[in-house]
């Protein structure tokens, strides 16, 4: 008897996710069943991208408004993923 797969989905942290290449890659990761952590500096565009991507995503999408030019940005992203109890398997 086969048991259903209860493993959590893999997690992808995608920077620049509100437009361009980041957004296009987020669509691919969502289609492939990843939980998404979307990072971008523009809150409104990030929220719109998350709403659109949620239709294809298998798990809730987490958004982080973060400017990667700030020195603490990487640490803040890691802290946020830990707070959500996520273990990213991909970083874009």
PDB file of N, CA and C in Angstrom:
ATOM      1  N   UNK A   1       0.835  -1.172   0.000  1.00  0.00           N
ATOM      2  CA  UNK A   1       0.000   0.000   0.000  1.00  0.00           C
ATOM      3  C   UNK A   1       0.885   1.242   0.000  1.00  0.00           C
ATOM      4  N   UNK A   2       0.691   2.106  -0.936  1.00  0.00           N
ATOM      5  CA  UNK A   2       1.475   3.334  -1.017  1.00  0.00           C
ATOM      6  C   UNK A   2       0.877   4.395  -0.106  1.00  0.00           C
ATOM      7  N   UNK A   3       1.766   5.064   0.643  1.00  0.00           N
ATOM      8  CA  UNK A   3       1.322   6.171   1.479  1.00  0.00           C
ATOM      9  C   UNK A   3       1.544   7.468   0.717  1.00  0.00           C
ATOM     10  N   UNK A   4       0.664   8.445   0.918  1.00  0.00           N
ATOM     11  CA  UNK A   4       0.850   9.722   0.229  1.00  0.00           C
ATOM     12  C   UNK A   4       2.114  10.413   0.724  1.00  0.00           C
ATOM     13  N   UNK A   5       2.728  11.174  -0.168  1.00  0.00           N
ATOM     14  CA  UNK A   5       3.932  11.917   0.178  1.00  0.00           C
ATOM     15  C   UNK A   5       3.551  13.074   1.083  1.00  0.00           C
ATOM     16  N   UNK A   6       4.030  13.048   2.325  1.00  0.00           N
ATOM     17  CA  UNK A   6       3.704  14.103   3.275  1.00  0.00           C
ATOM     18  C   UNK A   6       4.886  15.027   3.521  1.00  0.00           C
ATOM     19  N   UNK A   7       5.937  14.875   2.758  1.00  0.00           N
ATOM     20  CA  UNK A   7       7.097  15.752   2.915  1.00  0.00           C
ATOM     21  C   UNK A   7       6.714  17.165   2.503  1.00  0.00           C
ATOM     22  N   UNK A   8       7.263  18.144   3.222  1.00  0.00           N
ATOM     23  CA  UNK A   8       6.961  19.522   2.818  1.00  0.00           C
ATOM     24  C   UNK A   8       7.562  19.810   1.445  1.00  0.00           C
ATOM     25  N   UNK A   9       6.988  20.763   0.733  1.00  0.00           N
ATOM     26  CA  UNK A   9       7.543  21.075  -0.587  1.00  0.00           C
ATOM     27  C   UNK A   9       8.917  21.712  -0.441  1.00  0.00           C
ATOM     28  N   UNK A  10       9.752  21.585  -1.462  1.00  0.00           N
ATOM     29  CA  UNK A  10      11.032  22.286  -1.421  1.00  0.00           C
ATOM     30  C   UNK A  10      10.767  23.791  -1.432  1.00  0.00           C
ATOM     31  N   UNK A  11      11.742  24.543  -0.941  1.00  0.00           N
ATOM     32  CA  UNK A  11      11.580  25.989  -0.793  1.00  0.00           C
ATOM     33  C   UNK A  11      12.594  26.719  -1.664  1.00  0.00           C
ATOM     34  N   UNK A  12      12.115  27.689  -2.430  1.00  0.00           N
ATOM     35  CA  UNK A  12      12.995  28.526  -3.244  1.00  0.00           C
ATOM     36  C   UNK A  12      12.882  29.974  -2.776  1.00  0.00           C
ATOM     37  N   UNK A  13      14.034  30.574  -2.493  1.00  0.00           N
ATOM     38  CA  UNK A  13      14.102  32.006  -2.196  1.00  0.00           C
ATOM     39  C   UNK A  13      14.483  32.685  -3.501  1.00  0.00           C
ATOM     40  N   UNK A  14      13.635  33.593  -3.957  1.00  0.00           N
ATOM     41  CA  UNK A  14      13.860  34.223  -5.252  1.00  0.00           C
ATOM     42  C   UNK A  14      13.939  35.733  -5.070  1.00  0.00           C
ATOM     43  N   UNK A  15      15.107  36.284  -5.367  1.00  0.00           N
ATOM     44  CA  UNK A  15      15.289  37.727  -5.274  1.00  0.00           C
ATOM     45  C   UNK A  15      14.926  38.372  -6.605  1.00  0.00           C
ATOM     46  N   UNK A  16      14.541  39.629  -6.543  1.00  0.00           N
ATOM     47  CA  UNK A  16      14.115  40.313  -7.759  1.00  0.00           C
ATOM     48  C   UNK A  16      12.861  39.695  -8.328  1.00  0.00           C
ATOM     49  N   UNK A  17      12.012  39.188  -7.444  1.00  0.00           N
ATOM     50  CA  UNK A  17      10.879  38.366  -7.860  1.00  0.00           C
ATOM     51  C   UNK A  17       9.679  39.156  -8.365  1.00  0.00           C
ATOM     52  N   UNK A  18       9.731  40.469  -8.303  1.00  0.00           N
ATOM     53  CA  UNK A  18       8.546  41.234  -8.699  1.00  0.00           C
ATOM     54  C   UNK A  18       8.478  41.510 -10.196  1.00  0.00           C
ATOM     55  N   UNK A  19       9.566  41.250 -10.915  1.00  0.00           N
ATOM     56  CA  UNK A  19       9.553  41.495 -12.358  1.00  0.00           C
ATOM     57  C   UNK A  19      10.740  40.803 -13.024  1.00  0.00           C
ATOM     58  N   UNK A  20      10.728  40.833 -14.331  1.00  0.00           N
ATOM     59  CA  UNK A  20      11.867  40.352 -15.109  1.00  0.00           C
ATOM     60  C   UNK A  20      12.197  38.886 -14.897  1.00  0.00           C
ATOM     61  N   UNK A  21      13.495  38.588 -14.919  1.00  0.00           N
ATOM     62  CA  UNK A  21      13.962  37.206 -14.810  1.00  0.00           C
ATOM     63  C   UNK A  21      13.542  36.574 -13.488  1.00  0.00           C
ATOM     64  N   UNK A  22      13.626  37.327 -12.392  1.00  0.00           N
ATOM     65  CA  UNK A  22      13.222  36.788 -11.097  1.00  0.00           C
ATOM     66  C   UNK A  22      11.776  36.329 -11.095  1.00  0.00           C
ATOM     67  N   UNK A  23      10.908  37.132 -11.671  1.00  0.00           N
ATOM     68  CA  UNK A  23       9.489  36.784 -11.741  1.00  0.00           C
ATOM     69  C   UNK A  23       9.270  35.555 -12.624  1.00  0.00           C
ATOM     70  N   UNK A  24       9.934  35.522 -13.754  1.00  0.00           N
ATOM     71  CA  UNK A  24       9.782  34.378 -14.669  1.00  0.00           C
ATOM     72  C   UNK A  24      10.285  33.090 -14.023  1.00  0.00           C
ATOM     73  N   UNK A  25      11.385  33.168 -13.289  1.00  0.00           N
ATOM     74  CA  UNK A  25      11.885  31.973 -12.596  1.00  0.00           C
ATOM     75  C   UNK A  25      10.940  31.574 -11.468  1.00  0.00           C
ATOM     76  N   UNK A  26      10.350  32.541 -10.794  1.00  0.00           N
ATOM     77  CA  UNK A  26       9.370  32.234  -9.744  1.00  0.00           C
ATOM     78  C   UNK A  26       8.203  31.444 -10.324  1.00  0.00           C
ATOM     79  N   UNK A  27       7.750  31.805 -11.518  1.00  0.00           N
ATOM     80  CA  UNK A  27       6.663  31.064 -12.161  1.00  0.00           C
ATOM     81  C   UNK A  27       7.064  29.603 -12.376  1.00  0.00           C
ATOM     82  N   UNK A  28       8.296  29.382 -12.796  1.00  0.00           N
ATOM     83  CA  UNK A  28       8.758  28.013 -13.030  1.00  0.00           C
ATOM     84  C   UNK A  28       8.848  27.217 -11.728  1.00  0.00           C
ATOM     85  N   UNK A  29       9.396  27.843 -10.699  1.00  0.00           N
ATOM     86  CA  UNK A  29       9.486  27.157  -9.402  1.00  0.00           C
ATOM     87  C   UNK A  29       8.092  26.851  -8.857  1.00  0.00           C
ATOM     88  N   UNK A  30       7.151  27.785  -8.993  1.00  0.00           N
ATOM     89  CA  UNK A  30       5.782  27.544  -8.529  1.00  0.00           C
ATOM     90  C   UNK A  30       5.174  26.367  -9.280  1.00  0.00           C
ATOM     91  N   UNK A  31       5.368  26.345 -10.571  1.00  0.00           N
ATOM     92  CA  UNK A  31       4.830  25.261 -11.400  1.00  0.00           C
ATOM     93  C   UNK A  31       5.415  23.911 -10.983  1.00  0.00           C
ATOM     94  N   UNK A  32       6.686  23.924 -10.534  1.00  0.00           N
ATOM     95  CA  UNK A  32       7.349  22.684 -10.139  1.00  0.00           C
ATOM     96  C   UNK A  32       7.088  22.292  -8.686  1.00  0.00           C
ATOM     97  N   UNK A  33       6.188  23.007  -8.008  1.00  0.00           N
ATOM     98  CA  UNK A  33       5.763  22.602  -6.674  1.00  0.00           C
ATOM     99  C   UNK A  33       6.557  23.160  -5.517  1.00  0.00           C
ATOM    100  N   UNK A  34       7.379  24.159  -5.764  1.00  0.00           N
ATOM    101  CA  UNK A  34       8.158  24.764  -4.686  1.00  0.00           C
ATOM    102  C   UNK A  34       7.310  25.728  -3.875  1.00  0.00           C
ATOM    103  N   UNK A  35       7.613  25.824  -2.586  1.00  0.00           N
ATOM    104  CA  UNK A  35       7.093  26.936  -1.808  1.00  0.00           C
ATOM    105  C   UNK A  35       8.005  28.120  -2.107  1.00  0.00           C
ATOM    106  N   UNK A  36       7.427  29.292  -2.283  1.00  0.00           N
ATOM    107  CA  UNK A  36       8.202  30.453  -2.700  1.00  0.00           C
ATOM    108  C   UNK A  36       8.368  31.462  -1.582  1.00  0.00           C
ATOM    109  N   UNK A  37       9.589  31.963  -1.467  1.00  0.00           N
ATOM    110  CA  UNK A  37       9.890  33.128  -0.650  1.00  0.00           C
ATOM    111  C   UNK A  37      10.344  34.177  -1.647  1.00  0.00           C
ATOM    112  N   UNK A  38       9.478  35.149  -1.900  1.00  0.00           N
ATOM    113  CA  UNK A  38       9.753  36.164  -2.909  1.00  0.00           C
ATOM    114  C   UNK A  38      10.341  37.400  -2.242  1.00  0.00           C
ATOM    115  N   UNK A  39      11.439  37.888  -2.809  1.00  0.00           N
ATOM    116  CA  UNK A  39      12.136  39.039  -2.246  1.00  0.00           C
ATOM    117  C   UNK A  39      12.253  40.118  -3.321  1.00  0.00           C
ATOM    118  N   UNK A  40      11.885  41.340  -2.965  1.00  0.00           N
ATOM    119  CA  UNK A  40      12.041  42.482  -3.870  1.00  0.00           C
ATOM    120  C   UNK A  40      11.959  43.757  -3.043  1.00  0.00           C
ATOM    121  N   UNK A  41      12.408  44.842  -3.621  1.00  0.00           N
ATOM    122  CA  UNK A  41      12.428  46.106  -2.884  1.00  0.00           C
ATOM    123  C   UNK A  41      11.159  46.931  -3.063  1.00  0.00           C
ATOM    124  N   UNK A  42      10.361  46.643  -4.047  1.00  0.00           N
ATOM    125  CA  UNK A  42       9.152  47.418  -4.317  1.00  0.00           C
ATOM    126  C   UNK A  42       7.937  46.650  -3.808  1.00  0.00           C
ATOM    127  N   UNK A  43       7.363  47.108  -2.700  1.00  0.00           N
ATOM    128  CA  UNK A  43       6.304  46.370  -2.010  1.00  0.00           C
ATOM    129  C   UNK A  43       5.067  46.125  -2.880  1.00  0.00           C
ATOM    130  N   UNK A  44       4.606  47.138  -3.577  1.00  0.00           N
ATOM    131  CA  UNK A  44       3.373  46.981  -4.358  1.00  0.00           C
ATOM    132  C   UNK A  44       3.553  45.983  -5.497  1.00  0.00           C
ATOM    133  N   UNK A  45       4.656  46.077  -6.209  1.00  0.00           N
ATOM    134  CA  UNK A  45       4.891  45.122  -7.311  1.00  0.00           C
ATOM    135  C   UNK A  45       5.091  43.709  -6.776  1.00  0.00           C
ATOM    136  N   UNK A  46       5.762  43.595  -5.621  1.00  0.00           N
ATOM    137  CA  UNK A  46       5.961  42.281  -5.021  1.00  0.00           C
ATOM    138  C   UNK A  46       4.624  41.666  -4.623  1.00  0.00           C
ATOM    139  N   UNK A  47       3.746  42.452  -4.034  1.00  0.00           N
ATOM    140  CA  UNK A  47       2.431  41.949  -3.641  1.00  0.00           C
ATOM    141  C   UNK A  47       1.630  41.499  -4.861  1.00  0.00           C
ATOM    142  N   UNK A  48       1.704  42.264  -5.934  1.00  0.00           N
ATOM    143  CA  UNK A  48       0.989  41.888  -7.158  1.00  0.00           C
ATOM    144  C   UNK A  48       1.551  40.594  -7.745  1.00  0.00           C
ATOM    145  N   UNK A  49       2.867  40.469  -7.764  1.00  0.00           N
ATOM    146  CA  UNK A  49       3.496  39.241  -8.268  1.00  0.00           C
ATOM    147  C   UNK A  49       3.065  38.047  -7.431  1.00  0.00           C
ATOM    148  N   UNK A  50       3.047  38.209  -6.112  1.00  0.00           N
ATOM    149  CA  UNK A  50       2.644  37.106  -5.228  1.00  0.00           C
ATOM    150  C   UNK A  50       1.204  36.698  -5.483  1.00  0.00           C
ATOM    151  N   UNK A  51       0.323  37.668  -5.664  1.00  0.00           N
ATOM    152  CA  UNK A  51      -1.090  37.348  -5.942  1.00  0.00           C
ATOM    153  C   UNK A  51      -1.212  36.544  -7.233  1.00  0.00           C
ATOM    154  N   UNK A  52      -0.488  36.951  -8.239  1.00  0.00           N
ATOM    155  CA  UNK A  52      -0.549  36.248  -9.523  1.00  0.00           C
ATOM    156  C   UNK A  52       0.055  34.851  -9.417  1.00  0.00           C
ATOM    157  N   UNK A  53       1.188  34.745  -8.756  1.00  0.00           N
ATOM    158  CA  UNK A  53       1.875  33.458  -8.640  1.00  0.00           C
ATOM    159  C   UNK A  53       1.126  32.484  -7.741  1.00  0.00           C
ATOM    160  N   UNK A  54       0.368  32.976  -6.783  1.00  0.00           N
ATOM    161  CA  UNK A  54      -0.321  32.098  -5.841  1.00  0.00           C
ATOM    162  C   UNK A  54      -1.257  31.142  -6.566  1.00  0.00           C
ATOM    163  N   UNK A  55      -1.764  31.531  -7.731  1.00  0.00           N
ATOM    164  CA  UNK A  55      -2.663  30.662  -8.488  1.00  0.00           C
ATOM    165  C   UNK A  55      -1.967  29.380  -8.939  1.00  0.00           C
ATOM    166  N   UNK A  56      -0.651  29.444  -9.162  1.00  0.00           N
ATOM    167  CA  UNK A  56       0.090  28.273  -9.626  1.00  0.00           C
ATOM    168  C   UNK A  56       0.871  27.587  -8.510  1.00  0.00           C
ATOM    169  N   UNK A  57       0.968  28.227  -7.359  1.00  0.00           N
ATOM    170  CA  UNK A  57       1.815  27.698  -6.287  1.00  0.00           C
ATOM    171  C   UNK A  57       1.101  26.600  -5.505  1.00  0.00           C
ATOM    172  N   UNK A  58       1.892  25.632  -5.044  1.00  0.00           N
ATOM    173  CA  UNK A  58       1.352  24.521  -4.264  1.00  0.00           C
ATOM    174  C   UNK A  58       1.264  24.856  -2.780  1.00  0.00           C
ATOM    175  N   UNK A  59       1.949  25.892  -2.348  1.00  0.00           N
ATOM    176  CA  UNK A  59       2.003  26.262  -0.935  1.00  0.00           C
ATOM    177  C   UNK A  59       1.880  27.779  -0.825  1.00  0.00           C
ATOM    178  N   UNK A  60       1.586  28.267   0.373  1.00  0.00           N
ATOM    179  CA  UNK A  60       1.514  29.718   0.545  1.00  0.00           C
ATOM    180  C   UNK A  60       2.831  30.387   0.144  1.00  0.00           C
ATOM    181  N   UNK A  61       2.712  31.594  -0.382  1.00  0.00           N
ATOM    182  CA  UNK A  61       3.889  32.362  -0.783  1.00  0.00           C
ATOM    183  C   UNK A  61       4.218  33.364   0.308  1.00  0.00           C
ATOM    184  N   UNK A  62       5.481  33.453   0.635  1.00  0.00           N
ATOM    185  CA  UNK A  62       5.952  34.425   1.612  1.00  0.00           C
ATOM    186  C   UNK A  62       6.646  35.544   0.848  1.00  0.00           C
ATOM    187  N   UNK A  63       6.335  36.779   1.196  1.00  0.00           N
ATOM    188  CA  UNK A  63       6.981  37.916   0.547  1.00  0.00           C
ATOM    189  C   UNK A  63       7.825  38.666   1.560  1.00  0.00           C
ATOM    190  N   UNK A  64       8.985  39.109   1.108  1.00  0.00           N
ATOM    191  CA  UNK A  64       9.887  39.909   1.927  1.00  0.00           C
ATOM    192  C   UNK A  64      10.275  41.152   1.151  1.00  0.00           C
ATOM    193  N   UNK A  65       9.906  42.309   1.658  1.00  0.00           N
ATOM    194  CA  UNK A  65      10.319  43.556   1.034  1.00  0.00           C
ATOM    195  C   UNK A  65      11.712  43.851   1.571  1.00  0.00           C
ATOM    196  N   UNK A  66      12.675  43.777   0.673  1.00  0.00           N
ATOM    197  CA  UNK A  66      14.075  43.896   1.085  1.00  0.00           C
ATOM    198  C   UNK A  66      14.892  44.479  -0.051  1.00  0.00           C
ATOM    199  N   UNK A  67      15.696  45.472   0.263  1.00  0.00           N
ATOM    200  CA  UNK A  67      16.621  46.058  -0.707  1.00  0.00           C
ATOM    201  C   UNK A  67      17.965  45.374  -0.526  1.00  0.00           C
ATOM    202  N   UNK A  68      18.368  44.591  -1.502  1.00  0.00           N
ATOM    203  CA  UNK A  68      19.593  43.801  -1.376  1.00  0.00           C
ATOM    204  C   UNK A  68      20.860  44.632  -1.367  1.00  0.00           C
ATOM    205  N   UNK A  69      20.751  45.928  -1.619  1.00  0.00           N
ATOM    206  CA  UNK A  69      21.944  46.768  -1.543  1.00  0.00           C
ATOM    207  C   UNK A  69      22.289  47.121  -0.093  1.00  0.00           C
ATOM    208  N   UNK A  70      21.373  46.851   0.840  1.00  0.00           N
ATOM    209  CA  UNK A  70      21.644  47.108   2.252  1.00  0.00           C
ATOM    210  C   UNK A  70      22.488  45.979   2.838  1.00  0.00           C
ATOM    211  N   UNK A  71      23.489  46.313   3.625  1.00  0.00           N
ATOM    212  CA  UNK A  71      24.406  45.297   4.159  1.00  0.00           C
ATOM    213  C   UNK A  71      23.729  44.200   4.978  1.00  0.00           C
ATOM    214  N   UNK A  72      22.643  44.501   5.661  1.00  0.00           N
ATOM    215  CA  UNK A  72      21.980  43.499   6.503  1.00  0.00           C
ATOM    216  C   UNK A  72      20.954  42.655   5.757  1.00  0.00           C
ATOM    217  N   UNK A  73      20.742  42.924   4.489  1.00  0.00           N
ATOM    218  CA  UNK A  73      19.695  42.234   3.735  1.00  0.00           C
ATOM    219  C   UNK A  73      19.842  40.710   3.759  1.00  0.00           C
ATOM    220  N   UNK A  74      21.006  40.154   3.472  1.00  0.00           N
ATOM    221  CA  UNK A  74      21.100  38.687   3.490  1.00  0.00           C
ATOM    222  C   UNK A  74      20.749  38.088   4.854  1.00  0.00           C
ATOM    223  N   UNK A  75      21.242  38.718   5.908  1.00  0.00           N
ATOM    224  CA  UNK A  75      20.944  38.224   7.253  1.00  0.00           C
ATOM    225  C   UNK A  75      19.451  38.320   7.552  1.00  0.00           C
ATOM    226  N   UNK A  76      18.816  39.405   7.123  1.00  0.00           N
ATOM    227  CA  UNK A  76      17.377  39.564   7.340  1.00  0.00           C
ATOM    228  C   UNK A  76      16.577  38.491   6.604  1.00  0.00           C
ATOM    229  N   UNK A  77      17.009  38.135   5.427  1.00  0.00           N
ATOM    230  CA  UNK A  77      16.318  37.091   4.659  1.00  0.00           C
ATOM    231  C   UNK A  77      16.467  35.740   5.352  1.00  0.00           C
ATOM    232  N   UNK A  78      17.663  35.431   5.812  1.00  0.00           N
ATOM    233  CA  UNK A  78      17.886  34.172   6.534  1.00  0.00           C
ATOM    234  C   UNK A  78      17.035  34.134   7.802  1.00  0.00           C
ATOM    235  N   UNK A  79      17.010  35.227   8.533  1.00  0.00           N
ATOM    236  CA  UNK A  79      16.209  35.302   9.753  1.00  0.00           C
ATOM    237  C   UNK A  79      14.734  35.066   9.448  1.00  0.00           C
ATOM    238  N   UNK A  80      14.235  35.683   8.392  1.00  0.00           N
ATOM    239  CA  UNK A  80      12.826  35.512   8.017  1.00  0.00           C
ATOM    240  C   UNK A  80      12.511  34.069   7.654  1.00  0.00           C
ATOM    241  N   UNK A  81      13.403  33.417   6.919  1.00  0.00           N
ATOM    242  CA  UNK A  81      13.137  32.012   6.559  1.00  0.00           C
ATOM    243  C   UNK A  81      13.142  31.139   7.811  1.00  0.00           C
ATOM    244  N   UNK A  82      14.022  31.421   8.748  1.00  0.00           N
ATOM    245  CA  UNK A  82      14.038  30.653  10.006  1.00  0.00           C
ATOM    246  C   UNK A  82      12.768  30.896  10.810  1.00  0.00           C
ATOM    247  N   UNK A  83      12.291  32.139  10.835  1.00  0.00           N
ATOM    248  CA  UNK A  83      11.067  32.442  11.570  1.00  0.00           C
ATOM    249  C   UNK A  83       9.873  31.687  11.006  1.00  0.00           C
ATOM    250  N   UNK A  84       9.886  31.442   9.714  1.00  0.00           N
ATOM    251  CA  UNK A  84       8.809  30.676   9.075  1.00  0.00           C
ATOM    252  C   UNK A  84       9.098  29.175   9.081  1.00  0.00           C
ATOM    253  N   UNK A  85      10.184  28.790   9.727  1.00  0.00           N
ATOM    254  CA  UNK A  85      10.592  27.374   9.836  1.00  0.00           C
ATOM    255  C   UNK A  85      10.803  26.743   8.461  1.00  0.00           C
ATOM    256  N   UNK A  86      11.438  27.501   7.572  1.00  0.00           N
ATOM    257  CA  UNK A  86      11.712  27.017   6.229  1.00  0.00           C
ATOM    258  C   UNK A  86      13.193  26.721   6.060  1.00  0.00           C
ATOM    259  N   UNK A  87      13.472  25.728   5.250  1.00  0.00           N
ATOM    260  CA  UNK A  87      14.847  25.385   4.898  1.00  0.00           C
ATOM    261  C   UNK A  87      14.969  25.447   3.382  1.00  0.00           C
ATOM    262  N   UNK A  88      15.385  26.612   2.870  1.00  0.00           N
ATOM    263  CA  UNK A  88      15.464  26.767   1.413  1.00  0.00           C
ATOM    264  C   UNK A  88      16.395  25.741   0.772  1.00  0.00           C
ATOM    265  N   UNK A  89      15.950  25.274  -0.390  1.00  0.00           N
ATOM    266  CA  UNK A  89      16.762  24.341  -1.169  1.00  0.00           C
ATOM    267  C   UNK A  89      17.267  24.993  -2.446  1.00  0.00           C
ATOM    268  N   UNK A  90      16.753  26.187  -2.738  1.00  0.00           N
ATOM    269  CA  UNK A  90      17.206  26.911  -3.937  1.00  0.00           C
ATOM    270  C   UNK A  90      17.229  28.402  -3.625  1.00  0.00           C
ATOM    271  N   UNK A  91      18.215  29.082  -4.193  1.00  0.00           N
ATOM    272  CA  UNK A  91      18.351  30.531  -4.058  1.00  0.00           C
ATOM    273  C   UNK A  91      18.595  31.113  -5.423  1.00  0.00           C
ATOM    274  N   UNK A  92      17.732  32.042  -5.820  1.00  0.00           N
ATOM    275  CA  UNK A  92      17.874  32.710  -7.109  1.00  0.00           C
ATOM    276  C   UNK A  92      18.124  34.169  -6.844  1.00  0.00           C
TER     277      UNK A  92
END
